[in-house]
Amino acid sequence: MKKTFLVLLTVLLLLPVFAPRAQAIDPVTMMVLAPVAIKAAEVARPYVVKSLIGTGTGLMKVGKDAFHMLYLPYGLLEMTIGAPFKKFHSGVVHVIRGGVVAPIRLILHSLLLPLYMVGANVNI
């Protein structure tokens, strides 16, 4: 027990000694490289915008599919409480849509999200 405590104490005391040091960039270097960075950002702007739009589209599809999984409890309520009011058939449809179709679409759109991020137009 004492050896473990001493080893742990030694590591904790020596950790700040071996920690990496932060190094600042010279301000003159930043002034020289700023115009180059601005030109690179201007060249990359259309690709970044296309990627952001694709990512937003993909995330909206994933969110929509996650929301559609709420059809499962809604369908179960329709099948039980709404059965006397002729809602059993629509309850079965909602259970299938929320319990089978929505999770499969959610997994599929989650796997396709990297393609949406690079701007691929995948319609499923």
N, C-alpha and C. Protein backbone atom coordinates (compact mmCIF):
# COMPACT_ATOMS: atom_id res chain seq x y z
N MET A 1 0.83 -1.19 0.00
CA MET A 1 0.00 0.00 0.00
C MET A 1 0.87 1.25 0.00
N LYS A 2 1.96 1.19 0.79
CA LYS A 2 2.85 2.34 0.86
C LYS A 2 3.57 2.57 -0.48
N LYS A 3 3.97 1.47 -1.13
CA LYS A 3 4.67 1.60 -2.41
C LYS A 3 3.74 2.21 -3.47
N THR A 4 2.51 1.77 -3.50
CA THR A 4 1.55 2.32 -4.46
C THR A 4 1.33 3.79 -4.21
N PHE A 5 1.20 4.17 -2.96
CA PHE A 5 1.01 5.57 -2.61
C PHE A 5 2.22 6.41 -3.00
N LEU A 6 3.43 5.90 -2.75
CA LEU A 6 4.65 6.63 -3.09
C LEU A 6 4.81 6.78 -4.61
N VAL A 7 4.49 5.74 -5.36
CA VAL A 7 4.57 5.82 -6.81
C VAL A 7 3.56 6.83 -7.34
N LEU A 8 2.35 6.79 -6.83
CA LEU A 8 1.32 7.74 -7.26
C LEU A 8 1.69 9.17 -6.90
N LEU A 9 2.24 9.39 -5.72
CA LEU A 9 2.67 10.72 -5.29
C LEU A 9 3.82 11.22 -6.15
N THR A 10 4.77 10.34 -6.48
CA THR A 10 5.89 10.72 -7.33
C THR A 10 5.42 11.12 -8.73
N VAL A 11 4.50 10.35 -9.28
CA VAL A 11 3.96 10.67 -10.61
C VAL A 11 3.24 12.01 -10.59
N LEU A 12 2.44 12.24 -9.57
CA LEU A 12 1.71 13.50 -9.47
C LEU A 12 2.64 14.69 -9.29
N LEU A 13 3.74 14.52 -8.58
CA LEU A 13 4.68 15.62 -8.38
C LEU A 13 5.53 15.89 -9.62
N LEU A 14 5.84 14.85 -10.39
CA LEU A 14 6.68 15.02 -11.57
C LEU A 14 5.87 15.33 -12.83
N LEU A 15 4.57 15.21 -12.79
CA LEU A 15 3.75 15.45 -13.97
C LEU A 15 3.90 16.87 -14.52
N PRO A 16 3.89 17.91 -13.69
CA PRO A 16 4.07 19.26 -14.24
C PRO A 16 5.46 19.48 -14.86
N VAL A 17 6.47 18.72 -14.42
CA VAL A 17 7.82 18.88 -14.95
C VAL A 17 7.88 18.40 -16.40
N PHE A 18 7.20 17.31 -16.71
CA PHE A 18 7.26 16.72 -18.05
C PHE A 18 6.10 17.14 -18.95
N ALA A 19 5.27 18.04 -18.49
CA ALA A 19 4.14 18.50 -19.31
C ALA A 19 4.67 19.33 -20.47
N PRO A 20 4.03 19.24 -21.64
CA PRO A 20 4.50 20.03 -22.79
C PRO A 20 4.29 21.52 -22.54
N ARG A 21 5.20 22.30 -23.04
CA ARG A 21 5.14 23.75 -22.87
C ARG A 21 4.45 24.39 -24.06
N ALA A 22 3.69 25.43 -23.81
CA ALA A 22 3.04 26.18 -24.89
C ALA A 22 4.05 27.14 -25.50
N GLN A 23 4.03 27.22 -26.82
CA GLN A 23 4.95 28.11 -27.51
C GLN A 23 4.13 29.06 -28.38
N ALA A 24 4.44 30.33 -28.29
CA ALA A 24 3.72 31.34 -29.05
C ALA A 24 4.38 31.54 -30.41
N ILE A 25 3.58 32.00 -31.36
CA ILE A 25 4.10 32.31 -32.69
C ILE A 25 4.51 33.77 -32.70
N ASP A 26 5.59 34.04 -33.37
CA ASP A 26 6.09 35.39 -33.47
C ASP A 26 5.07 36.28 -34.18
N PRO A 27 4.77 37.47 -33.67
CA PRO A 27 3.78 38.35 -34.31
C PRO A 27 4.14 38.73 -35.74
N VAL A 28 5.43 38.84 -36.04
CA VAL A 28 5.84 39.19 -37.40
C VAL A 28 5.49 38.05 -38.36
N THR A 29 5.66 36.83 -37.91
CA THR A 29 5.30 35.68 -38.74
C THR A 29 3.81 35.67 -39.02
N MET A 30 3.01 36.00 -38.02
CA MET A 30 1.57 36.05 -38.22
C MET A 30 1.20 37.14 -39.22
N MET A 31 1.87 38.28 -39.17
CA MET A 31 1.57 39.37 -40.11
C MET A 31 1.93 38.97 -41.53
N VAL A 32 2.98 38.20 -41.68
CA VAL A 32 3.40 37.77 -43.01
C VAL A 32 2.45 36.71 -43.56
N LEU A 33 1.98 35.81 -42.71
CA LEU A 33 1.14 34.71 -43.16
C LEU A 33 -0.35 35.05 -43.23
N ALA A 34 -0.78 36.16 -42.65
CA ALA A 34 -2.21 36.51 -42.65
C ALA A 34 -2.78 36.66 -44.06
N PRO A 35 -2.11 37.36 -44.99
CA PRO A 35 -2.69 37.45 -46.35
C PRO A 35 -2.81 36.10 -47.04
N VAL A 36 -1.87 35.22 -46.79
CA VAL A 36 -1.93 33.88 -47.39
C VAL A 36 -3.11 33.11 -46.82
N ALA A 37 -3.32 33.23 -45.52
CA ALA A 37 -4.44 32.53 -44.88
C ALA A 37 -5.78 33.07 -45.37
N ILE A 38 -5.86 34.38 -45.60
CA ILE A 38 -7.10 34.97 -46.11
C ILE A 38 -7.39 34.46 -47.52
N LYS A 39 -6.38 34.38 -48.36
CA LYS A 39 -6.58 33.85 -49.73
C LYS A 39 -7.00 32.38 -49.68
N ALA A 40 -6.39 31.61 -48.80
CA ALA A 40 -6.77 30.20 -48.68
C ALA A 40 -8.20 30.06 -48.20
N ALA A 41 -8.63 30.92 -47.28
CA ALA A 41 -10.02 30.87 -46.80
C ALA A 41 -11.00 31.25 -47.90
N GLU A 42 -10.63 32.22 -48.74
CA GLU A 42 -11.50 32.60 -49.86
C GLU A 42 -11.65 31.47 -50.86
N VAL A 43 -10.57 30.75 -51.10
CA VAL A 43 -10.63 29.62 -52.04
C VAL A 43 -11.47 28.49 -51.47
N ALA A 44 -11.39 28.26 -50.16
CA ALA A 44 -12.09 27.14 -49.53
C ALA A 44 -13.55 27.46 -49.20
N ARG A 45 -13.95 28.72 -49.28
CA ARG A 45 -15.30 29.12 -48.85
C ARG A 45 -16.42 28.33 -49.54
N PRO A 46 -16.42 28.15 -50.88
CA PRO A 46 -17.55 27.41 -51.48
C PRO A 46 -17.64 25.97 -51.00
N TYR A 47 -16.50 25.34 -50.77
CA TYR A 47 -16.51 23.96 -50.30
C TYR A 47 -17.00 23.86 -48.87
N VAL A 48 -16.63 24.82 -48.05
CA VAL A 48 -17.07 24.83 -46.66
C VAL A 48 -18.58 25.06 -46.59
N VAL A 49 -19.09 25.98 -47.41
CA VAL A 49 -20.53 26.26 -47.42
C VAL A 49 -21.30 25.03 -47.89
N LYS A 50 -20.79 24.38 -48.95
CA LYS A 50 -21.44 23.16 -49.45
C LYS A 50 -21.44 22.07 -48.39
N SER A 51 -20.34 21.95 -47.65
CA SER A 51 -20.26 20.96 -46.59
C SER A 51 -21.23 21.28 -45.45
N LEU A 52 -21.34 22.55 -45.08
CA LEU A 52 -22.26 22.93 -44.01
C LEU A 52 -23.71 22.68 -44.41
N ILE A 53 -24.05 22.97 -45.66
CA ILE A 53 -25.42 22.72 -46.12
C ILE A 53 -25.71 21.22 -46.13
N GLY A 54 -24.76 20.43 -46.60
CA GLY A 54 -24.95 18.98 -46.61
C GLY A 54 -25.05 18.40 -45.21
N THR A 55 -24.23 18.90 -44.30
CA THR A 55 -24.29 18.44 -42.91
C THR A 55 -25.63 18.78 -42.29
N GLY A 56 -26.11 20.00 -42.53
CA GLY A 56 -27.42 20.38 -42.01
C GLY A 56 -28.54 19.51 -42.56
N THR A 57 -28.47 19.22 -43.85
CA THR A 57 -29.47 18.35 -44.47
C THR A 57 -29.44 16.95 -43.85
N GLY A 58 -28.24 16.40 -43.69
CA GLY A 58 -28.12 15.07 -43.10
C GLY A 58 -28.60 15.02 -41.66
N LEU A 59 -28.27 16.05 -40.89
CA LEU A 59 -28.72 16.08 -39.49
C LEU A 59 -30.23 16.25 -39.39
N MET A 60 -30.81 16.98 -40.32
CA MET A 60 -32.27 17.11 -40.32
C MET A 60 -32.93 15.77 -40.63
N LYS A 61 -32.35 15.00 -41.55
CA LYS A 61 -32.91 13.68 -41.86
C LYS A 61 -32.79 12.74 -40.66
N VAL A 62 -31.65 12.78 -39.97
CA VAL A 62 -31.47 11.94 -38.79
C VAL A 62 -32.45 12.34 -37.70
N GLY A 63 -32.63 13.64 -37.48
CA GLY A 63 -33.58 14.10 -36.48
C GLY A 63 -35.01 13.74 -36.82
N LYS A 64 -35.35 13.83 -38.09
CA LYS A 64 -36.70 13.47 -38.53
C LYS A 64 -36.96 11.98 -38.27
N ASP A 65 -35.97 11.15 -38.57
CA ASP A 65 -36.14 9.71 -38.33
C ASP A 65 -36.21 9.40 -36.84
N ALA A 66 -35.44 10.11 -36.03
CA ALA A 66 -35.53 9.91 -34.59
C ALA A 66 -36.90 10.32 -34.07
N PHE A 67 -37.43 11.40 -34.60
CA PHE A 67 -38.76 11.85 -34.20
C PHE A 67 -39.83 10.85 -34.65
N HIS A 68 -39.65 10.23 -35.82
CA HIS A 68 -40.63 9.26 -36.32
C HIS A 68 -40.68 7.99 -35.47
N MET A 69 -39.68 7.77 -34.64
CA MET A 69 -39.73 6.60 -33.76
C MET A 69 -40.79 6.78 -32.67
N LEU A 70 -41.28 8.00 -32.50
CA LEU A 70 -42.36 8.23 -31.54
C LEU A 70 -43.70 7.69 -32.06
N TYR A 71 -43.74 7.25 -33.31
CA TYR A 71 -44.94 6.60 -33.81
C TYR A 71 -45.21 5.28 -33.09
N LEU A 72 -44.16 4.66 -32.56
CA LEU A 72 -44.33 3.38 -31.88
C LEU A 72 -45.24 3.49 -30.66
N PRO A 73 -44.97 4.36 -29.69
CA PRO A 73 -45.90 4.44 -28.56
C PRO A 73 -47.27 4.99 -28.97
N TYR A 74 -47.29 5.88 -29.96
CA TYR A 74 -48.57 6.40 -30.43
C TYR A 74 -49.41 5.28 -31.05
N GLY A 75 -48.77 4.42 -31.81
CA GLY A 75 -49.49 3.29 -32.40
C GLY A 75 -49.97 2.30 -31.35
N LEU A 76 -49.15 2.09 -30.32
CA LEU A 76 -49.58 1.20 -29.25
C LEU A 76 -50.81 1.76 -28.52
N LEU A 77 -50.82 3.07 -28.33
CA LEU A 77 -52.00 3.68 -27.71
C LEU A 77 -53.23 3.54 -28.62
N GLU A 78 -53.02 3.72 -29.91
CA GLU A 78 -54.14 3.56 -30.84
C GLU A 78 -54.65 2.13 -30.85
N MET A 79 -53.74 1.17 -30.75
CA MET A 79 -54.16 -0.23 -30.79
C MET A 79 -54.89 -0.63 -29.51
N THR A 80 -54.57 -0.03 -28.39
CA THR A 80 -55.21 -0.44 -27.14
C THR A 80 -56.43 0.43 -26.82
N ILE A 81 -56.20 1.73 -26.67
CA ILE A 81 -57.29 2.62 -26.28
C ILE A 81 -58.22 2.93 -27.44
N GLY A 82 -57.64 3.05 -28.64
CA GLY A 82 -58.45 3.43 -29.79
C GLY A 82 -59.11 2.27 -30.51
N ALA A 83 -58.89 1.04 -30.05
CA ALA A 83 -59.48 -0.12 -30.72
C ALA A 83 -61.01 -0.06 -30.77
N PRO A 84 -61.70 0.36 -29.71
CA PRO A 84 -63.15 0.45 -29.81
C PRO A 84 -63.62 1.53 -30.80
N PHE A 85 -62.75 2.45 -31.12
CA PHE A 85 -63.11 3.54 -32.03
C PHE A 85 -62.58 3.32 -33.44
N LYS A 86 -62.31 2.07 -33.79
CA LYS A 86 -61.83 1.65 -35.11
C LYS A 86 -60.49 2.31 -35.47
N LYS A 87 -59.59 2.38 -34.51
CA LYS A 87 -58.24 2.92 -34.73
C LYS A 87 -57.18 1.82 -34.70
N PHE A 88 -57.59 0.56 -34.64
CA PHE A 88 -56.63 -0.54 -34.52
C PHE A 88 -55.74 -0.62 -35.75
N HIS A 89 -56.32 -0.50 -36.95
CA HIS A 89 -55.55 -0.61 -38.19
C HIS A 89 -54.50 0.50 -38.29
N SER A 90 -54.91 1.74 -38.01
CA SER A 90 -53.92 2.83 -38.07
C SER A 90 -52.88 2.67 -36.97
N GLY A 91 -53.24 2.06 -35.84
CA GLY A 91 -52.27 1.78 -34.78
C GLY A 91 -51.22 0.78 -35.23
N VAL A 92 -51.65 -0.25 -35.96
CA VAL A 92 -50.70 -1.24 -36.48
C VAL A 92 -49.75 -0.57 -37.47
N VAL A 93 -50.29 0.28 -38.32
CA VAL A 93 -49.46 1.00 -39.30
C VAL A 93 -48.44 1.88 -38.58
N HIS A 94 -48.86 2.56 -37.53
CA HIS A 94 -47.94 3.43 -36.80
C HIS A 94 -46.90 2.62 -36.02
N VAL A 95 -47.28 1.45 -35.49
CA VAL A 95 -46.30 0.61 -34.80
C VAL A 95 -45.24 0.12 -35.77
N ILE A 96 -45.64 -0.28 -36.96
CA ILE A 96 -44.67 -0.74 -37.97
C ILE A 96 -43.79 0.43 -38.41
N ARG A 97 -44.40 1.59 -38.63
CA ARG A 97 -43.64 2.75 -39.07
C ARG A 97 -42.65 3.21 -37.99
N GLY A 98 -43.07 3.19 -36.73
CA GLY A 98 -42.20 3.67 -35.65
C GLY A 98 -41.26 2.62 -35.09
N GLY A 99 -41.60 1.35 -35.22
CA GLY A 99 -40.77 0.30 -34.64
C GLY A 99 -39.87 -0.40 -35.61
N VAL A 100 -40.17 -0.31 -36.92
CA VAL A 100 -39.36 -1.01 -37.91
C VAL A 100 -38.75 -0.03 -38.91
N VAL A 101 -39.58 0.77 -39.54
CA VAL A 101 -39.11 1.63 -40.63
C VAL A 101 -38.23 2.76 -40.09
N ALA A 102 -38.66 3.44 -39.05
CA ALA A 102 -37.91 4.59 -38.54
C ALA A 102 -36.51 4.21 -38.02
N PRO A 103 -36.35 3.13 -37.24
CA PRO A 103 -34.99 2.78 -36.81
C PRO A 103 -34.06 2.40 -37.97
N ILE A 104 -34.61 1.71 -38.97
CA ILE A 104 -33.78 1.34 -40.12
C ILE A 104 -33.35 2.60 -40.88
N ARG A 105 -34.29 3.52 -41.08
CA ARG A 105 -33.94 4.78 -41.76
C ARG A 105 -32.96 5.61 -40.93
N LEU A 106 -33.12 5.58 -39.60
CA LEU A 106 -32.21 6.31 -38.72
C LEU A 106 -30.79 5.76 -38.84
N ILE A 107 -30.65 4.46 -38.83
CA ILE A 107 -29.33 3.84 -38.97
C ILE A 107 -28.75 4.16 -40.34
N LEU A 108 -29.56 4.06 -41.38
CA LEU A 108 -29.10 4.33 -42.73
C LEU A 108 -28.64 5.78 -42.89
N HIS A 109 -29.45 6.72 -42.41
CA HIS A 109 -29.06 8.13 -42.54
C HIS A 109 -27.87 8.47 -41.65
N SER A 110 -27.73 7.78 -40.51
CA SER A 110 -26.55 8.00 -39.67
C SER A 110 -25.29 7.51 -40.36
N LEU A 111 -25.39 6.39 -41.06
CA LEU A 111 -24.24 5.88 -41.80
C LEU A 111 -23.92 6.73 -43.02
N LEU A 112 -24.93 7.37 -43.61
CA LEU A 112 -24.71 8.22 -44.78
C LEU A 112 -24.30 9.64 -44.41
N LEU A 113 -24.30 9.98 -43.13
CA LEU A 113 -23.98 11.34 -42.70
C LEU A 113 -22.60 11.81 -43.18
N PRO A 114 -21.56 10.98 -43.16
CA PRO A 114 -20.28 11.46 -43.71
C PRO A 114 -20.36 11.81 -45.20
N LEU A 115 -21.19 11.10 -45.96
CA LEU A 115 -21.37 11.46 -47.36
C LEU A 115 -22.08 12.79 -47.51
N TYR A 116 -23.06 13.03 -46.65
CA TYR A 116 -23.72 14.35 -46.68
C TYR A 116 -22.73 15.45 -46.33
N MET A 117 -21.79 15.16 -45.41
CA MET A 117 -20.83 16.17 -44.98
C MET A 117 -19.87 16.57 -46.09
N VAL A 118 -19.56 15.66 -46.99
CA VAL A 118 -18.65 16.02 -48.09
C VAL A 118 -19.41 16.55 -49.29
N GLY A 119 -20.72 16.67 -49.18
CA GLY A 119 -21.49 17.30 -50.23
C GLY A 119 -22.14 16.36 -51.22
N ALA A 120 -22.10 15.05 -50.96
CA ALA A 120 -22.74 14.10 -51.85
C ALA A 120 -24.26 14.22 -51.70
N ASN A 121 -24.96 14.15 -52.81
CA ASN A 121 -26.42 14.28 -52.79
C ASN A 121 -27.02 12.88 -52.87
N VAL A 122 -27.30 12.29 -51.72
CA VAL A 122 -27.83 10.94 -51.64
C VAL A 122 -29.29 11.04 -51.25
N ASN A 123 -30.17 10.55 -52.09
CA ASN A 123 -31.61 10.60 -51.81
C ASN A 123 -32.12 9.21 -51.51
N ILE A 124 -32.52 9.01 -50.26
CA ILE A 124 -33.10 7.72 -49.85
C ILE A 124 -34.33 7.99 -49.03
